[in-house]
Amino acid sequence: MKLVLASKNQKKLTEMNDILARLGVEVCSEAEAGVDLEVEETGTTFEANSLLKAKAVMEASGLPAIADDSGLCVECLGGAPGVYSARYGGEGLDDIARYRLLLENMRGQMTRAAKFVSVITCCFPNGDVLTARGECAGTIAYAPMGEGGFGYDPVFFVPELKKTFAQLSAEEKNAVSHRGKALEAFQKKLEEYLK
């Protein structure tokens, strides 16, 4: 089976292929499917945005499409940046500027609990939809640590591992991350679906 990834993120494509290849599932890029969409994420939940992206790419390609919507939810900020994680602080900010803004907005906060959330949705041309959610609990570090990963990884600290996501190898991160957990749950649902 072939799925089209509703994203231009090469790291997500690699990650999904690594996990789903065991089921004989190949995940291809939008470009490989002849699709070039920018889906506006107007949903107020990760589930809604994930569904918007998967449905749009499925309709444009005629193939089953898989999408991930994920973000960071910080307790002392009322769950922000949440679904706006990639747009936190407005247009023109890069990953470093975004996590610096987050740290600035948390200055003086002693409660630093946070979680990463990922929702995977797959839409099929026959109207079927599979959805899976994964979460990873952690805290926000007082300063960035590590060179790996992307986004908020340098400031997302996993207490059990005593490291930020940016300090973990890809294998270590996939084993505990929100996206790794969501993909694992999705893989089980897809196995059942394909029976």
Protein backbone atom coordinates (compact mmCIF):
# COMPACT_ATOMS: atom_id res chain seq x y z
CA MET A 1 0.00 0.00 0.00
CA LYS A 2 1.13 3.52 -0.77
CA LEU A 3 0.29 6.56 1.35
CA VAL A 4 0.99 10.19 0.49
CA LEU A 5 2.40 12.29 3.34
CA ALA A 6 0.50 15.56 3.68
CA SER A 7 3.65 17.51 4.56
CA LYS A 8 6.80 18.78 2.92
CA ASN A 9 8.85 17.84 6.01
CA GLN A 10 11.54 15.36 4.92
CA LYS A 11 12.23 14.30 8.54
CA LYS A 12 8.58 13.29 9.03
CA LEU A 13 8.67 11.34 5.74
CA THR A 14 11.78 9.40 6.82
CA GLU A 15 10.34 8.74 10.29
CA MET A 16 7.02 7.44 8.91
CA ASN A 17 8.72 5.19 6.36
CA ASP A 18 11.02 3.75 9.05
CA ILE A 19 8.04 2.73 11.18
CA LEU A 20 5.43 1.78 8.54
CA ALA A 21 7.74 -0.13 6.17
CA ARG A 22 7.28 -3.19 8.43
CA LEU A 23 3.64 -3.35 7.27
CA GLY A 24 4.64 -3.20 3.62
CA VAL A 25 3.44 0.41 3.52
CA GLU A 26 5.37 2.97 1.50
CA VAL A 27 4.95 6.64 2.35
CA CYS A 28 5.74 9.01 -0.51
CA SER A 29 6.04 12.78 -0.62
CA GLU A 30 3.42 15.12 -2.05
CA ALA A 31 5.83 15.90 -4.90
CA GLU A 32 6.13 12.19 -5.79
CA ALA A 33 2.32 12.04 -5.95
CA GLY A 34 2.19 15.16 -8.17
CA VAL A 35 0.61 17.29 -5.45
CA ASP A 36 1.73 20.70 -4.19
CA LEU A 37 -0.67 22.00 -1.56
CA GLU A 38 -0.45 24.47 1.29
CA VAL A 39 -3.36 23.47 3.50
CA GLU A 40 -4.49 26.22 5.84
CA GLU A 41 -4.58 24.89 9.39
CA THR A 42 -7.82 26.49 10.59
CA GLY A 43 -8.67 23.84 13.20
CA THR A 44 -8.52 24.51 16.93
CA THR A 45 -7.35 20.96 17.79
CA PHE A 46 -4.53 18.72 16.58
CA GLU A 47 -7.20 16.25 15.39
CA ALA A 48 -8.96 18.88 13.26
CA ASN A 49 -5.76 20.14 11.61
CA SER A 50 -4.47 16.61 10.96
CA LEU A 51 -7.79 15.72 9.30
CA LEU A 52 -7.81 18.91 7.18
CA LYS A 53 -4.34 18.13 5.78
CA ALA A 54 -4.92 14.41 5.14
CA LYS A 55 -8.30 14.99 3.48
CA ALA A 56 -7.02 17.75 1.17
CA VAL A 57 -4.03 15.70 -0.03
CA MET A 58 -6.16 12.55 -0.45
CA GLU A 59 -8.66 14.50 -2.59
CA ALA A 60 -5.89 16.11 -4.68
CA SER A 61 -3.93 12.87 -5.25
CA GLY A 62 -6.70 10.25 -5.31
CA LEU A 63 -4.50 8.16 -3.00
CA PRO A 64 -4.75 7.45 0.73
CA ALA A 65 -3.03 10.33 2.55
CA ILE A 66 -1.47 10.51 6.00
CA ALA A 67 -0.95 13.70 8.01
CA ASP A 68 0.55 14.58 11.36
CA ASP A 69 -0.34 17.62 13.40
CA SER A 70 1.75 18.15 16.46
CA GLY A 71 2.80 20.77 18.93
CA LEU A 72 3.98 21.70 22.38
CA CYS A 73 1.52 22.38 25.21
CA VAL A 74 2.93 24.22 28.25
CA GLU A 75 0.92 24.04 31.47
CA CYS A 76 1.77 27.49 32.90
CA LEU A 77 0.88 29.10 29.54
CA GLY A 78 -2.60 27.56 29.52
CA GLY A 79 -1.61 24.94 26.95
CA ALA A 80 0.08 27.39 24.56
CA PRO A 81 1.58 27.36 22.02
CA GLY A 82 -0.50 24.21 21.28
CA VAL A 83 -1.84 24.02 17.71
CA TYR A 84 -0.01 27.29 16.99
CA SER A 85 3.44 25.84 17.86
CA ALA A 86 4.83 26.23 14.34
CA ARG A 87 3.46 29.79 14.12
CA TYR A 88 4.19 30.90 17.71
CA GLY A 89 5.23 34.54 17.78
CA GLY A 90 4.01 35.16 14.22
CA GLU A 91 5.51 34.87 10.76
CA GLY A 92 9.22 35.25 10.18
CA LEU A 93 10.44 33.52 13.34
CA ASP A 94 12.68 30.48 12.98
CA ASP A 95 12.88 27.57 15.46
CA ILE A 96 15.48 29.32 17.64
CA ALA A 97 13.48 32.57 17.84
CA ARG A 98 10.34 30.59 18.74
CA TYR A 99 11.90 28.68 21.63
CA ARG A 100 13.62 31.85 22.85
CA LEU A 101 10.21 33.57 22.89
CA LEU A 102 8.80 30.60 24.81
CA LEU A 103 11.59 30.83 27.41
CA GLU A 104 11.04 34.60 27.70
CA ASN A 105 7.30 34.09 28.22
CA MET A 106 8.09 31.57 30.98
CA ARG A 107 10.60 33.77 32.82
CA GLY A 108 10.11 33.40 36.58
CA GLN A 109 7.82 30.37 36.23
CA MET A 110 8.68 27.52 38.58
CA THR A 111 5.99 25.19 37.16
CA ARG A 112 7.51 24.04 33.88
CA ALA A 113 5.39 20.97 33.04
CA ALA A 114 4.75 20.50 29.34
CA LYS A 115 3.84 17.84 26.82
CA PHE A 116 4.34 17.25 23.14
CA VAL A 117 1.22 16.00 21.32
CA SER A 118 0.99 14.35 17.91
CA VAL A 119 -2.15 13.28 16.03
CA ILE A 120 -1.82 11.09 12.94
CA THR A 121 -4.76 10.91 10.53
CA CYS A 122 -5.05 8.79 7.40
CA CYS A 123 -7.87 9.45 4.91
CA PHE A 124 -8.79 6.86 2.29
CA PRO A 125 -10.57 7.58 -1.03
CA ASN A 126 -13.50 5.35 0.09
CA GLY A 127 -14.20 7.74 2.99
CA ASP A 128 -12.56 5.69 5.75
CA VAL A 129 -10.49 7.61 8.32
CA LEU A 130 -7.96 6.28 10.86
CA THR A 131 -6.71 8.53 13.68
CA ALA A 132 -4.14 7.97 16.43
CA ARG A 133 -2.79 10.26 19.17
CA GLY A 134 0.49 10.19 21.06
CA GLU A 135 1.81 12.31 23.93
CA CYS A 136 5.16 12.73 25.65
CA ALA A 137 5.31 14.45 29.04
CA GLY A 138 8.29 16.54 30.06
CA THR A 139 9.34 19.94 31.31
CA ILE A 140 10.69 23.10 29.73
CA ALA A 141 14.41 23.57 30.43
CA TYR A 142 15.70 26.96 31.56
CA ALA A 143 18.11 27.10 28.60
CA PRO A 144 18.51 25.17 25.32
CA MET A 145 20.65 22.02 25.40
CA GLY A 146 21.74 19.74 22.55
CA GLU A 147 22.35 20.01 18.84
CA GLY A 148 19.89 17.47 17.40
CA GLY A 149 16.23 17.53 16.50
CA PHE A 150 14.23 20.56 15.40
CA GLY A 151 11.58 22.95 16.68
CA TYR A 152 11.34 23.05 20.48
CA ASP A 153 13.56 19.96 20.95
CA PRO A 154 16.46 21.89 22.61
CA VAL A 155 14.19 23.12 25.44
CA PHE A 156 11.95 20.04 25.91
CA PHE A 157 13.46 18.05 28.78
CA VAL A 158 12.52 14.41 29.50
CA PRO A 159 13.14 13.86 33.25
CA GLU A 160 13.43 10.04 33.05
CA LEU A 161 16.21 10.33 30.45
CA LYS A 162 17.76 13.47 31.99
CA LYS A 163 18.10 14.93 28.48
CA THR A 164 16.31 17.27 26.10
CA PHE A 165 14.92 15.89 22.84
CA ALA A 166 17.85 17.64 21.10
CA GLN A 167 20.32 15.54 23.15
CA LEU A 168 18.77 12.21 22.13
CA SER A 169 19.72 10.06 19.15
CA ALA A 170 16.99 9.57 16.53
CA GLU A 171 16.39 6.04 17.87
CA GLU A 172 16.10 7.26 21.49
CA LYS A 173 13.75 10.07 20.48
CA ASN A 174 11.50 7.80 18.36
CA ALA A 175 11.17 5.39 21.32
CA VAL A 176 9.68 8.03 23.66
CA SER A 177 8.40 10.86 21.46
CA HIS A 178 4.81 11.90 20.89
CA ARG A 179 5.12 11.15 17.17
CA GLY A 180 6.72 7.76 17.84
CA LYS A 181 3.82 6.86 20.17
CA ALA A 182 1.19 8.16 17.71
CA LEU A 183 2.78 6.20 14.85
CA GLU A 184 2.91 3.06 17.00
CA ALA A 185 -0.82 3.40 17.79
CA PHE A 186 -1.54 4.20 14.12
CA GLN A 187 0.45 1.15 12.99
CA LYS A 188 -1.78 -1.10 15.14
CA LYS A 189 -4.95 0.47 13.72
CA LEU A 190 -3.63 0.15 10.16
CA GLU A 191 -2.74 -3.53 10.73
CA GLU A 192 -6.35 -4.17 11.78
CA TYR A 193 -7.68 -2.12 8.87
CA LEU A 194 -5.59 -4.03 6.31
CA LYS A 195 -6.71 -7.49 7.55
